[in-house]
């Protein structure tokens, strides 16, 4: 992996939707391709994916004051 994939624009704004499988097929392919070559976006992807996984563990009673 490289630090920067060159001319390919970074995909950070799409990572949340990517983790939630909410992108169209073209966007999904673009993000997946970008993540194979960009360490920075891959690190951000891991953080977003981990946060999403933790949110899924919350129960309704966890959100009450």
N, C-alpha and C. Protein backbone atom coordinates (compact mmCIF):
# COMPACT_ATOMS: atom_id res chain seq x y z
N UNK A 1 0.83 -1.18 0.00
CA UNK A 1 0.00 0.00 0.00
C UNK A 1 0.87 1.24 0.00
N UNK A 2 0.37 2.27 -0.59
CA UNK A 2 1.09 3.53 -0.60
C UNK A 2 0.43 4.52 0.34
N UNK A 3 1.14 5.58 0.65
CA UNK A 3 0.58 6.61 1.52
C UNK A 3 -0.49 7.41 0.80
N UNK A 4 -0.37 7.57 -0.50
CA UNK A 4 -1.32 8.34 -1.28
C UNK A 4 -1.46 7.68 -2.64
N UNK A 5 -2.68 7.44 -3.09
CA UNK A 5 -2.86 6.73 -4.35
C UNK A 5 -2.68 7.59 -5.59
N UNK A 6 -2.17 8.78 -5.47
CA UNK A 6 -1.94 9.62 -6.64
C UNK A 6 -3.14 10.46 -6.98
N UNK A 7 -3.63 10.34 -8.20
CA UNK A 7 -4.73 11.17 -8.66
C UNK A 7 -6.09 10.72 -8.16
N UNK A 8 -6.20 9.52 -7.64
CA UNK A 8 -7.48 9.02 -7.17
C UNK A 8 -7.92 9.81 -5.94
N UNK A 9 -9.07 10.52 -6.01
CA UNK A 9 -9.48 11.32 -4.85
C UNK A 9 -9.80 10.43 -3.65
N UNK A 10 -9.52 10.97 -2.48
CA UNK A 10 -9.78 10.21 -1.24
C UNK A 10 -11.28 9.99 -1.07
N UNK A 11 -11.63 8.97 -0.32
CA UNK A 11 -13.03 8.54 -0.19
C UNK A 11 -13.56 8.69 1.23
N UNK A 12 -12.89 9.45 2.07
CA UNK A 12 -13.32 9.57 3.47
C UNK A 12 -14.79 9.93 3.63
N UNK A 13 -15.34 10.86 2.82
CA UNK A 13 -16.77 11.20 3.00
C UNK A 13 -17.73 10.04 2.73
N UNK A 14 -17.27 9.02 2.03
CA UNK A 14 -18.13 7.88 1.68
C UNK A 14 -17.99 6.70 2.64
N UNK A 15 -17.07 6.77 3.58
CA UNK A 15 -16.76 5.60 4.40
C UNK A 15 -17.93 5.16 5.28
N UNK A 16 -18.67 6.08 5.86
CA UNK A 16 -19.81 5.70 6.69
C UNK A 16 -20.84 4.93 5.89
N UNK A 17 -21.18 5.44 4.72
CA UNK A 17 -22.15 4.75 3.86
C UNK A 17 -21.59 3.42 3.37
N UNK A 18 -20.28 3.36 3.14
CA UNK A 18 -19.65 2.12 2.69
C UNK A 18 -19.78 1.04 3.77
N UNK A 19 -19.50 1.42 5.00
CA UNK A 19 -19.59 0.47 6.12
C UNK A 19 -21.03 -0.04 6.27
N UNK A 20 -22.00 0.83 6.04
CA UNK A 20 -23.40 0.46 6.19
C UNK A 20 -23.99 -0.16 4.92
N UNK A 21 -23.15 -0.37 3.91
CA UNK A 21 -23.58 -0.94 2.64
C UNK A 21 -24.70 -0.12 2.01
N UNK A 22 -24.52 1.21 2.04
CA UNK A 22 -25.55 2.12 1.56
C UNK A 22 -25.13 2.87 0.29
N UNK A 23 -24.06 2.43 -0.36
CA UNK A 23 -23.62 3.07 -1.59
C UNK A 23 -24.16 2.31 -2.80
N UNK A 24 -24.22 3.01 -3.92
CA UNK A 24 -24.59 2.30 -5.15
C UNK A 24 -23.39 1.45 -5.59
N UNK A 25 -23.60 0.52 -6.49
CA UNK A 25 -22.51 -0.39 -6.88
C UNK A 25 -21.25 0.31 -7.39
N UNK A 26 -21.41 1.38 -8.15
CA UNK A 26 -20.25 2.10 -8.67
C UNK A 26 -19.44 2.74 -7.55
N UNK A 27 -20.15 3.35 -6.59
CA UNK A 27 -19.46 3.97 -5.46
C UNK A 27 -18.78 2.91 -4.60
N UNK A 28 -19.44 1.78 -4.41
CA UNK A 28 -18.86 0.70 -3.63
C UNK A 28 -17.55 0.23 -4.26
N UNK A 29 -17.55 0.04 -5.56
CA UNK A 29 -16.33 -0.37 -6.26
C UNK A 29 -15.24 0.69 -6.14
N UNK A 30 -15.62 1.94 -6.28
CA UNK A 30 -14.64 3.03 -6.18
C UNK A 30 -13.98 3.05 -4.80
N UNK A 31 -14.79 2.93 -3.75
CA UNK A 31 -14.25 2.95 -2.39
C UNK A 31 -13.36 1.73 -2.17
N UNK A 32 -13.82 0.55 -2.55
CA UNK A 32 -13.03 -0.67 -2.35
C UNK A 32 -11.70 -0.58 -3.08
N UNK A 33 -11.72 -0.10 -4.30
CA UNK A 33 -10.49 0.05 -5.08
C UNK A 33 -9.54 1.05 -4.41
N UNK A 34 -10.09 2.14 -3.94
CA UNK A 34 -9.27 3.17 -3.29
C UNK A 34 -8.64 2.63 -2.01
N UNK A 35 -9.43 1.90 -1.23
CA UNK A 35 -8.91 1.38 0.05
C UNK A 35 -7.75 0.42 -0.15
N UNK A 36 -7.70 -0.26 -1.28
CA UNK A 36 -6.57 -1.17 -1.55
C UNK A 36 -5.26 -0.41 -1.74
N UNK A 37 -5.32 0.89 -2.02
CA UNK A 37 -4.10 1.62 -2.30
C UNK A 37 -3.82 2.81 -1.41
N UNK A 38 -4.67 3.06 -0.41
CA UNK A 38 -4.48 4.27 0.41
C UNK A 38 -4.50 3.91 1.89
N UNK A 39 -3.33 3.99 2.52
CA UNK A 39 -3.22 3.67 3.94
C UNK A 39 -4.06 4.59 4.81
N UNK A 40 -4.08 5.88 4.49
CA UNK A 40 -4.82 6.85 5.31
C UNK A 40 -6.32 6.55 5.32
N UNK A 41 -6.89 6.34 4.16
CA UNK A 41 -8.32 6.04 4.09
C UNK A 41 -8.62 4.68 4.69
N UNK A 42 -7.71 3.73 4.57
CA UNK A 42 -7.91 2.42 5.17
C UNK A 42 -7.94 2.53 6.69
N UNK A 43 -7.06 3.34 7.27
CA UNK A 43 -7.09 3.56 8.72
C UNK A 43 -8.43 4.17 9.13
N UNK A 44 -8.89 5.16 8.37
CA UNK A 44 -10.17 5.79 8.68
C UNK A 44 -11.32 4.80 8.54
N UNK A 45 -11.26 3.95 7.53
CA UNK A 45 -12.28 2.92 7.34
C UNK A 45 -12.36 2.00 8.57
N UNK A 46 -11.22 1.57 9.07
CA UNK A 46 -11.20 0.68 10.24
C UNK A 46 -11.85 1.37 11.43
N UNK A 47 -11.57 2.64 11.64
CA UNK A 47 -12.17 3.38 12.75
C UNK A 47 -13.69 3.48 12.59
N UNK A 48 -14.15 3.78 11.39
CA UNK A 48 -15.60 3.89 11.14
C UNK A 48 -16.26 2.53 11.32
N UNK A 49 -15.64 1.48 10.82
CA UNK A 49 -16.21 0.13 10.94
C UNK A 49 -16.28 -0.30 12.40
N UNK A 50 -15.25 0.00 13.17
CA UNK A 50 -15.26 -0.35 14.59
C UNK A 50 -16.34 0.41 15.33
N UNK A 51 -16.49 1.71 15.04
CA UNK A 51 -17.52 2.51 15.69
C UNK A 51 -18.91 1.97 15.35
N UNK A 52 -19.11 1.61 14.10
CA UNK A 52 -20.40 1.05 13.68
C UNK A 52 -20.69 -0.25 14.41
N UNK A 53 -19.69 -1.09 14.55
CA UNK A 53 -19.87 -2.36 15.25
C UNK A 53 -20.22 -2.14 16.72
N UNK A 54 -19.59 -1.14 17.34
CA UNK A 54 -19.89 -0.84 18.75
C UNK A 54 -21.30 -0.29 18.89
N UNK A 55 -21.74 0.55 17.97
CA UNK A 55 -23.09 1.09 18.03
C UNK A 55 -24.14 -0.01 17.92
N UNK A 56 -23.83 -1.02 17.15
CA UNK A 56 -24.77 -2.13 16.99
C UNK A 56 -24.97 -2.91 18.29
N UNK A 57 -24.05 -2.78 19.21
CA UNK A 57 -24.16 -3.49 20.50
C UNK A 57 -25.05 -2.76 21.51
N UNK A 58 -25.37 -1.50 21.23
CA UNK A 58 -26.19 -0.73 22.16
C UNK A 58 -27.60 -1.26 22.23
N UNK A 59 -28.15 -1.21 23.42
CA UNK A 59 -29.55 -1.56 23.66
C UNK A 59 -30.30 -0.25 23.99
N UNK A 60 -31.60 -0.27 23.85
CA UNK A 60 -32.41 0.93 24.13
C UNK A 60 -32.15 1.45 25.54
N UNK A 61 -32.01 0.56 26.50
CA UNK A 61 -31.78 1.00 27.88
C UNK A 61 -30.41 1.66 28.06
N UNK A 62 -29.49 1.38 27.18
CA UNK A 62 -28.18 2.03 27.23
C UNK A 62 -28.27 3.52 26.88
N UNK A 63 -29.32 3.89 26.17
CA UNK A 63 -29.47 5.26 25.70
C UNK A 63 -30.31 6.13 26.64
N UNK A 64 -30.90 5.55 27.64
CA UNK A 64 -31.72 6.30 28.61
C UNK A 64 -30.82 6.97 29.62
N UNK A 65 -31.28 8.13 30.08
CA UNK A 65 -30.51 8.85 31.13
C UNK A 65 -30.82 8.32 32.48
